Amino acid sequence: AVIALATAACGDRGATLELGSEAR
C-alpha cells in the first residue's frame, strides 16, 4: 500500500511511504 506524504510542519517534502499491514 503506497501512501503519499505531503508537506507538513515537520514532515518530509515529496516523500512516499510503504506501510506494511497484515489482516486476518
mmCIF file of all heavy atoms, coordinates in Angstrom:
data_MODEL
# 
_entry.id   MODEL 
# 
loop_
_atom_site.group_PDB 
_atom_site.id 
_atom_site.type_symbol 
_atom_site.label_atom_id 
_atom_site.label_alt_id 
_atom_site.label_comp_id 
_atom_site.label_asym_id 
_atom_site.label_entity_id 
_atom_site.label_seq_id 
_atom_site.pdbx_PDB_ins_code 
_atom_site.Cartn_x 
_atom_site.Cartn_y 
_atom_site.Cartn_z 
_atom_site.occupancy 
_atom_site.B_iso_or_equiv 
_atom_site.pdbx_formal_charge 
_atom_site.auth_seq_id 
_atom_site.auth_comp_id 
_atom_site.auth_asym_id 
_atom_site.auth_atom_id 
_atom_site.pdbx_PDB_model_num 
ATOM 1   N N   . ALA A 1 1  ? 0.849  -1.191  0.000  1.00 0.00 ? 1  ALA A N   1 
ATOM 2   C CA  . ALA A 1 1  ? 0.000  0.000   0.000  1.00 0.00 ? 1  ALA A CA  1 
ATOM 3   C C   . ALA A 1 1  ? 0.880  1.236   0.000  1.00 0.00 ? 1  ALA A C   1 
ATOM 4   O O   . ALA A 1 1  ? 1.653  1.470   0.912  1.00 0.00 ? 1  ALA A O   1 
ATOM 5   C CB  . ALA A 1 1  ? -0.900 0.002   1.224  1.00 0.00 ? 1  ALA A CB  1 
ATOM 6   N N   . VAL A 1 2  ? 0.797  2.040   -1.056 1.00 0.00 ? 2  VAL A N   1 
ATOM 7   C CA  . VAL A 1 2  ? 1.629  3.235   -1.176 1.00 0.00 ? 2  VAL A CA  1 
ATOM 8   C C   . VAL A 1 2  ? 0.824  4.439   -0.747 1.00 0.00 ? 2  VAL A C   1 
ATOM 9   O O   . VAL A 1 2  ? -0.266 4.680   -1.239 1.00 0.00 ? 2  VAL A O   1 
ATOM 10  C CB  . VAL A 1 2  ? 2.128  3.425   -2.622 1.00 0.00 ? 2  VAL A CB  1 
ATOM 11  C CG1 . VAL A 1 2  ? 2.933  4.706   -2.739 1.00 0.00 ? 2  VAL A CG1 1 
ATOM 12  C CG2 . VAL A 1 2  ? 2.970  2.242   -3.041 1.00 0.00 ? 2  VAL A CG2 1 
ATOM 13  N N   . ILE A 1 3  ? 1.386  5.196   0.183  1.00 0.00 ? 3  ILE A N   1 
ATOM 14  C CA  . ILE A 1 3  ? 0.704  6.344   0.748  1.00 0.00 ? 3  ILE A CA  1 
ATOM 15  C C   . ILE A 1 3  ? 1.521  7.584   0.467  1.00 0.00 ? 3  ILE A C   1 
ATOM 16  O O   . ILE A 1 3  ? 2.697  7.658   0.822  1.00 0.00 ? 3  ILE A O   1 
ATOM 17  C CB  . ILE A 1 3  ? 0.526  6.170   2.265  1.00 0.00 ? 3  ILE A CB  1 
ATOM 18  C CG1 . ILE A 1 3  ? -0.265 4.877   2.526  1.00 0.00 ? 3  ILE A CG1 1 
ATOM 19  C CG2 . ILE A 1 3  ? -0.190 7.342   2.879  1.00 0.00 ? 3  ILE A CG2 1 
ATOM 20  C CD1 . ILE A 1 3  ? -0.219 4.455   3.955  1.00 0.00 ? 3  ILE A CD1 1 
ATOM 21  N N   . ALA A 1 4  ? 0.939  8.578   -0.178 1.00 0.00 ? 4  ALA A N   1 
ATOM 22  C CA  . ALA A 1 4  ? 1.675  9.811   -0.467 1.00 0.00 ? 4  ALA A CA  1 
ATOM 23  C C   . ALA A 1 4  ? 1.780  10.647  0.782  1.00 0.00 ? 4  ALA A C   1 
ATOM 24  O O   . ALA A 1 4  ? 0.851  10.748  1.566  1.00 0.00 ? 4  ALA A O   1 
ATOM 25  C CB  . ALA A 1 4  ? 0.951  10.601  -1.555 1.00 0.00 ? 4  ALA A CB  1 
ATOM 26  N N   . LEU A 1 5  ? 2.923  11.273  0.967  1.00 0.00 ? 5  LEU A N   1 
ATOM 27  C CA  . LEU A 1 5  ? 3.145  12.163  2.097  1.00 0.00 ? 5  LEU A CA  1 
ATOM 28  C C   . LEU A 1 5  ? 3.208  13.585  1.589  1.00 0.00 ? 5  LEU A C   1 
ATOM 29  O O   . LEU A 1 5  ? 3.894  13.879  0.621  1.00 0.00 ? 5  LEU A O   1 
ATOM 30  C CB  . LEU A 1 5  ? 4.470  11.814  2.801  1.00 0.00 ? 5  LEU A CB  1 
ATOM 31  C CG  . LEU A 1 5  ? 4.536  10.412  3.411  1.00 0.00 ? 5  LEU A CG  1 
ATOM 32  C CD1 . LEU A 1 5  ? 5.909  10.207  4.028  1.00 0.00 ? 5  LEU A CD1 1 
ATOM 33  C CD2 . LEU A 1 5  ? 3.472  10.251  4.451  1.00 0.00 ? 5  LEU A CD2 1 
ATOM 34  N N   . ALA A 1 6  ? 2.511  14.487  2.267  1.00 0.00 ? 6  ALA A N   1 
ATOM 35  C CA  . ALA A 1 6  ? 2.529  15.888  1.870  1.00 0.00 ? 6  ALA A CA  1 
ATOM 36  C C   . ALA A 1 6  ? 3.413  16.676  2.815  1.00 0.00 ? 6  ALA A C   1 
ATOM 37  O O   . ALA A 1 6  ? 3.830  16.198  3.858  1.00 0.00 ? 6  ALA A O   1 
ATOM 38  C CB  . ALA A 1 6  ? 1.111  16.465  1.899  1.00 0.00 ? 6  ALA A CB  1 
ATOM 39  N N   . THR A 1 7  ? 3.705  17.912  2.428  1.00 0.00 ? 7  THR A N   1 
ATOM 40  C CA  . THR A 1 7  ? 4.495  18.776  3.289  1.00 0.00 ? 7  THR A CA  1 
ATOM 41  C C   . THR A 1 7  ? 3.728  19.053  4.564  1.00 0.00 ? 7  THR A C   1 
ATOM 42  O O   . THR A 1 7  ? 2.551  19.345  4.557  1.00 0.00 ? 7  THR A O   1 
ATOM 43  C CB  . THR A 1 7  ? 4.772  20.110  2.572  1.00 0.00 ? 7  THR A CB  1 
ATOM 44  O OG1 . THR A 1 7  ? 5.442  19.812  1.354  1.00 0.00 ? 7  THR A OG1 1 
ATOM 45  C CG2 . THR A 1 7  ? 5.644  21.004  3.424  1.00 0.00 ? 7  THR A CG2 1 
ATOM 46  N N   . ALA A 1 8  ? 4.415  18.946  5.695  1.00 0.00 ? 8  ALA A N   1 
ATOM 47  C CA  . ALA A 1 8  ? 3.819  19.252  6.992  1.00 0.00 ? 8  ALA A CA  1 
ATOM 48  C C   . ALA A 1 8  ? 4.825  20.040  7.787  1.00 0.00 ? 8  ALA A C   1 
ATOM 49  O O   . ALA A 1 8  ? 5.940  20.293  7.337  1.00 0.00 ? 8  ALA A O   1 
ATOM 50  C CB  . ALA A 1 8  ? 3.431  17.966  7.720  1.00 0.00 ? 8  ALA A CB  1 
ATOM 51  N N   . ALA A 1 9  ? 4.407  20.473  8.981  1.00 0.00 ? 9  ALA A N   1 
ATOM 52  C CA  . ALA A 1 9  ? 5.271  21.343  9.769  1.00 0.00 ? 9  ALA A CA  1 
ATOM 53  C C   . ALA A 1 9  ? 6.639  20.720  9.995  1.00 0.00 ? 9  ALA A C   1 
ATOM 54  O O   . ALA A 1 9  ? 7.649  21.405  9.986  1.00 0.00 ? 9  ALA A O   1 
ATOM 55  C CB  . ALA A 1 9  ? 4.604  21.647  11.113 1.00 0.00 ? 9  ALA A CB  1 
ATOM 56  N N   . CYS A 1 10 ? 6.691  19.408  10.217 1.00 0.00 ? 10 CYS A N   1 
ATOM 57  C CA  . CYS A 1 10 ? 7.970  18.748  10.478 1.00 0.00 ? 10 CYS A CA  1 
ATOM 58  C C   . CYS A 1 10 ? 8.185  17.597  9.503  1.00 0.00 ? 10 CYS A C   1 
ATOM 59  O O   . CYS A 1 10 ? 9.046  16.763  9.721  1.00 0.00 ? 10 CYS A O   1 
ATOM 60  C CB  . CYS A 1 10 ? 8.015  18.231  11.912 1.00 0.00 ? 10 CYS A CB  1 
ATOM 61  S SG  . CYS A 1 10 ? 7.705  19.478  13.162 1.00 0.00 ? 10 CYS A SG  1 
ATOM 62  N N   . GLY A 1 11 ? 7.396  17.490  8.462  1.00 0.00 ? 11 GLY A N   1 
ATOM 63  C CA  . GLY A 1 11 ? 7.417  16.303  7.628  1.00 0.00 ? 11 GLY A CA  1 
ATOM 64  C C   . GLY A 1 11 ? 8.385  16.376  6.473  1.00 0.00 ? 11 GLY A C   1 
ATOM 65  O O   . GLY A 1 11 ? 9.033  17.381  6.216  1.00 0.00 ? 11 GLY A O   1 
ATOM 66  N N   . ASP A 1 12 ? 8.484  15.246  5.730  1.00 0.00 ? 12 ASP A N   1 
ATOM 67  C CA  . ASP A 1 12 ? 9.325  15.168  4.562  1.00 0.00 ? 12 ASP A CA  1 
ATOM 68  C C   . ASP A 1 12 ? 8.580  15.717  3.356  1.00 0.00 ? 12 ASP A C   1 
ATOM 69  O O   . ASP A 1 12 ? 7.400  15.443  3.157  1.00 0.00 ? 12 ASP A O   1 
ATOM 70  C CB  . ASP A 1 12 ? 9.721  13.710  4.295  1.00 0.00 ? 12 ASP A CB  1 
ATOM 71  C CG  . ASP A 1 12 ? 10.523 13.117  5.444  1.00 0.00 ? 12 ASP A CG  1 
ATOM 72  O OD1 . ASP A 1 12 ? 11.202 13.903  6.129  1.00 0.00 ? 12 ASP A OD1 1 
ATOM 73  O OD2 . ASP A 1 12 ? 10.455 11.896  5.634  1.00 0.00 ? 12 ASP A OD2 1 
ATOM 74  N N   . ARG A 1 13 ? 9.285  16.430  2.501  1.00 0.00 ? 13 ARG A N   1 
ATOM 75  C CA  . ARG A 1 13 ? 8.659  17.014  1.309  1.00 0.00 ? 13 ARG A CA  1 
ATOM 76  C C   . ARG A 1 13 ? 8.756  16.020  0.155  1.00 0.00 ? 13 ARG A C   1 
ATOM 77  O O   . ARG A 1 13 ? 9.828  15.523  -0.189 1.00 0.00 ? 13 ARG A O   1 
ATOM 78  C CB  . ARG A 1 13 ? 9.362  18.311  0.935  1.00 0.00 ? 13 ARG A CB  1 
ATOM 79  C CG  . ARG A 1 13 ? 8.744  19.008  -0.280 1.00 0.00 ? 13 ARG A CG  1 
ATOM 80  C CD  . ARG A 1 13 ? 9.505  20.273  -0.607 1.00 0.00 ? 13 ARG A CD  1 
ATOM 81  N NE  . ARG A 1 13 ? 9.392  21.246  0.466  1.00 0.00 ? 13 ARG A NE  1 
ATOM 82  C CZ  . ARG A 1 13 ? 8.409  22.127  0.557  1.00 0.00 ? 13 ARG A CZ  1 
ATOM 83  N NH1 . ARG A 1 13 ? 7.447  22.145  -0.324 1.00 0.00 ? 13 ARG A NH1 1 
ATOM 84  N NH2 . ARG A 1 13 ? 8.385  22.986  1.558  1.00 0.00 ? 13 ARG A NH2 1 
ATOM 85  N N   . GLY A 1 14 ? 7.589  15.718  -0.435 1.00 0.00 ? 14 GLY A N   1 
ATOM 86  C CA  . GLY A 1 14 ? 7.572  14.899  -1.629 1.00 0.00 ? 14 GLY A CA  1 
ATOM 87  C C   . GLY A 1 14 ? 7.941  13.448  -1.401 1.00 0.00 ? 14 GLY A C   1 
ATOM 88  O O   . GLY A 1 14 ? 8.322  12.752  -2.337 1.00 0.00 ? 14 GLY A O   1 
ATOM 89  N N   . ALA A 1 15 ? 7.871  12.949  -0.168 1.00 0.00 ? 15 ALA A N   1 
ATOM 90  C CA  . ALA A 1 15 ? 8.258  11.574  0.097  1.00 0.00 ? 15 ALA A CA  1 
ATOM 91  C C   . ALA A 1 15 ? 7.084  10.630  -0.136 1.00 0.00 ? 15 ALA A C   1 
ATOM 92  O O   . ALA A 1 15 ? 5.937  11.035  -0.196 1.00 0.00 ? 15 ALA A O   1 
ATOM 93  C CB  . ALA A 1 15 ? 8.747  11.436  1.539  1.00 0.00 ? 15 ALA A CB  1 
ATOM 94  N N   . THR A 1 16 ? 7.389  9.358   -0.299 1.00 0.00 ? 16 THR A N   1 
ATOM 95  C CA  . THR A 1 16 ? 6.356  8.339   -0.341 1.00 0.00 ? 16 THR A CA  1 
ATOM 96  C C   . THR A 1 16 ? 6.702  7.279   0.680  1.00 0.00 ? 16 THR A C   1 
ATOM 97  O O   . THR A 1 16 ? 7.841  7.143   1.104  1.00 0.00 ? 16 THR A O   1 
ATOM 98  C CB  . THR A 1 16 ? 6.234  7.689   -1.731 1.00 0.00 ? 16 THR A CB  1 
ATOM 99  O OG1 . THR A 1 16 ? 7.502  7.112   -2.069 1.00 0.00 ? 16 THR A OG1 1 
ATOM 100 C CG2 . THR A 1 16 ? 5.825  8.706   -2.771 1.00 0.00 ? 16 THR A CG2 1 
ATOM 101 N N   . LEU A 1 17 ? 5.711  6.521   1.059  1.00 0.00 ? 17 LEU A N   1 
ATOM 102 C CA  . LEU A 1 17 ? 5.888  5.586   2.160  1.00 0.00 ? 17 LEU A CA  1 
ATOM 103 C C   . LEU A 1 17 ? 5.125  4.316   1.874  1.00 0.00 ? 17 LEU A C   1 
ATOM 104 O O   . LEU A 1 17 ? 4.012  4.340   1.357  1.00 0.00 ? 17 LEU A O   1 
ATOM 105 C CB  . LEU A 1 17 ? 5.366  6.216   3.453  1.00 0.00 ? 17 LEU A CB  1 
ATOM 106 C CG  . LEU A 1 17 ? 5.278  5.332   4.690  1.00 0.00 ? 17 LEU A CG  1 
ATOM 107 C CD1 . LEU A 1 17 ? 6.670  4.921   5.140  1.00 0.00 ? 17 LEU A CD1 1 
ATOM 108 C CD2 . LEU A 1 17 ? 4.541  6.049   5.790  1.00 0.00 ? 17 LEU A CD2 1 
ATOM 109 N N   . GLU A 1 18 ? 5.730  3.177   2.180  1.00 0.00 ? 18 GLU A N   1 
ATOM 110 C CA  . GLU A 1 18 ? 5.041  1.898   2.126  1.00 0.00 ? 18 GLU A CA  1 
ATOM 111 C C   . GLU A 1 18 ? 4.893  1.380   3.550  1.00 0.00 ? 18 GLU A C   1 
ATOM 112 O O   . GLU A 1 18 ? 5.879  1.112   4.226  1.00 0.00 ? 18 GLU A O   1 
ATOM 113 C CB  . GLU A 1 18 ? 5.811  0.894   1.274  1.00 0.00 ? 18 GLU A CB  1 
ATOM 114 C CG  . GLU A 1 18 ? 5.819  1.231   -0.209 1.00 0.00 ? 18 GLU A CG  1 
ATOM 115 C CD  . GLU A 1 18 ? 6.449  0.137   -1.048 1.00 0.00 ? 18 GLU A CD  1 
ATOM 116 O OE1 . GLU A 1 18 ? 6.840  -0.885  -0.449 1.00 0.00 ? 18 GLU A OE1 1 
ATOM 117 O OE2 . GLU A 1 18 ? 6.538  0.304   -2.264 1.00 0.00 ? 18 GLU A OE2 1 
ATOM 118 N N   . LEU A 1 19 ? 3.659  1.286   3.993  1.00 0.00 ? 19 LEU A N   1 
ATOM 119 C CA  . LEU A 1 19 ? 3.382  0.765   5.328  1.00 0.00 ? 19 LEU A CA  1 
ATOM 120 C C   . LEU A 1 19 ? 2.868  -0.655  5.190  1.00 0.00 ? 19 LEU A C   1 
ATOM 121 O O   . LEU A 1 19 ? 1.870  -0.900  4.514  1.00 0.00 ? 19 LEU A O   1 
ATOM 122 C CB  . LEU A 1 19 ? 2.338  1.623   6.038  1.00 0.00 ? 19 LEU A CB  1 
ATOM 123 C CG  . LEU A 1 19 ? 2.801  2.937   6.658  1.00 0.00 ? 19 LEU A CG  1 
ATOM 124 C CD1 . LEU A 1 19 ? 1.638  3.571   7.394  1.00 0.00 ? 19 LEU A CD1 1 
ATOM 125 C CD2 . LEU A 1 19 ? 3.962  2.720   7.603  1.00 0.00 ? 19 LEU A CD2 1 
ATOM 126 N N   . GLY A 1 20 ? 3.538  -1.601  5.844  1.00 0.00 ? 20 GLY A N   1 
ATOM 127 C CA  . GLY A 1 20 ? 3.077  -2.971  5.795  1.00 0.00 ? 20 GLY A CA  1 
ATOM 128 C C   . GLY A 1 20 ? 1.961  -3.212  6.790  1.00 0.00 ? 20 GLY A C   1 
ATOM 129 O O   . GLY A 1 20 ? 2.063  -2.829  7.950  1.00 0.00 ? 20 GLY A O   1 
ATOM 130 N N   . SER A 1 21 ? 0.882  -3.818  6.331  1.00 0.00 ? 21 SER A N   1 
ATOM 131 C CA  . SER A 1 21 ? -0.226 -4.190  7.206  1.00 0.00 ? 21 SER A CA  1 
ATOM 132 C C   . SER A 1 21 ? -0.618 -5.623  6.906  1.00 0.00 ? 21 SER A C   1 
ATOM 133 O O   . SER A 1 21 ? -0.572 -6.062  5.756  1.00 0.00 ? 21 SER A O   1 
ATOM 134 C CB  . SER A 1 21 ? -1.438 -3.275  7.002  1.00 0.00 ? 21 SER A CB  1 
ATOM 135 O OG  . SER A 1 21 ? -1.151 -1.953  7.372  1.00 0.00 ? 21 SER A OG  1 
ATOM 136 N N   . GLU A 1 22 ? -0.998 -6.337  7.929  1.00 0.00 ? 22 GLU A N   1 
ATOM 137 C CA  . GLU A 1 22 ? -1.417 -7.723  7.776  1.00 0.00 ? 22 GLU A CA  1 
ATOM 138 C C   . GLU A 1 22 ? -2.783 -7.887  8.412  1.00 0.00 ? 22 GLU A C   1 
ATOM 139 O O   . GLU A 1 22 ? -3.001 -7.473  9.555  1.00 0.00 ? 22 GLU A O   1 
ATOM 140 C CB  . GLU A 1 22 ? -0.403 -8.657  8.443  1.00 0.00 ? 22 GLU A CB  1 
ATOM 141 C CG  . GLU A 1 22 ? -0.730 -10.132 8.277  1.00 0.00 ? 22 GLU A CG  1 
ATOM 142 C CD  . GLU A 1 22 ? 0.303  -11.024 8.940  1.00 0.00 ? 22 GLU A CD  1 
ATOM 143 O OE1 . GLU A 1 22 ? 1.372  -11.254 8.335  1.00 0.00 ? 22 GLU A OE1 1 
ATOM 144 O OE2 . GLU A 1 22 ? 0.043  -11.455 10.081 1.00 0.00 ? 22 GLU A OE2 1 
ATOM 145 N N   . ALA A 1 23 ? -3.714 -8.464  7.664  1.00 0.00 ? 23 ALA A N   1 
ATOM 146 C CA  . ALA A 1 23 ? -5.067 -8.667  8.168  1.00 0.00 ? 23 ALA A CA  1 
ATOM 147 C C   . ALA A 1 23 ? -5.414 -10.141 8.118  1.00 0.00 ? 23 ALA A C   1 
ATOM 148 O O   . ALA A 1 23 ? -5.025 -10.858 7.186  1.00 0.00 ? 23 ALA A O   1 
ATOM 149 C CB  . ALA A 1 23 ? -6.073 -7.863  7.352  1.00 0.00 ? 23 ALA A CB  1 
ATOM 150 N N   . ARG A 1 24 ? -6.146 -10.598 9.124  1.00 0.00 ? 24 ARG A N   1 
ATOM 151 C CA  . ARG A 1 24 ? -6.624 -11.971 9.123  1.00 0.00 ? 24 ARG A CA  1 
ATOM 152 C C   . ARG A 1 24 ? -7.962 -12.018 9.838  1.00 0.00 ? 24 ARG A C   1 
ATOM 153 O O   . ARG A 1 24 ? -8.323 -11.099 10.580 1.00 0.00 ? 24 ARG A O   1 
ATOM 154 C CB  . ARG A 1 24 ? -5.620 -12.898 9.795  1.00 0.00 ? 24 ARG A CB  1 
ATOM 155 C CG  . ARG A 1 24 ? -5.371 -12.635 11.266 1.00 0.00 ? 24 ARG A CG  1 
ATOM 156 C CD  . ARG A 1 24 ? -4.283 -13.568 11.790 1.00 0.00 ? 24 ARG A CD  1 
ATOM 157 N NE  . ARG A 1 24 ? -4.054 -13.445 13.225 1.00 0.00 ? 24 ARG A NE  1 
ATOM 158 C CZ  . ARG A 1 24 ? -3.260 -12.544 13.782 1.00 0.00 ? 24 ARG A CZ  1 
ATOM 159 N NH1 . ARG A 1 24 ? -2.605 -11.680 13.018 1.00 0.00 ? 24 ARG A NH1 1 
ATOM 160 N NH2 . ARG A 1 24 ? -3.107 -12.509 15.090 1.00 0.00 ? 24 ARG A NH2 1 
# 
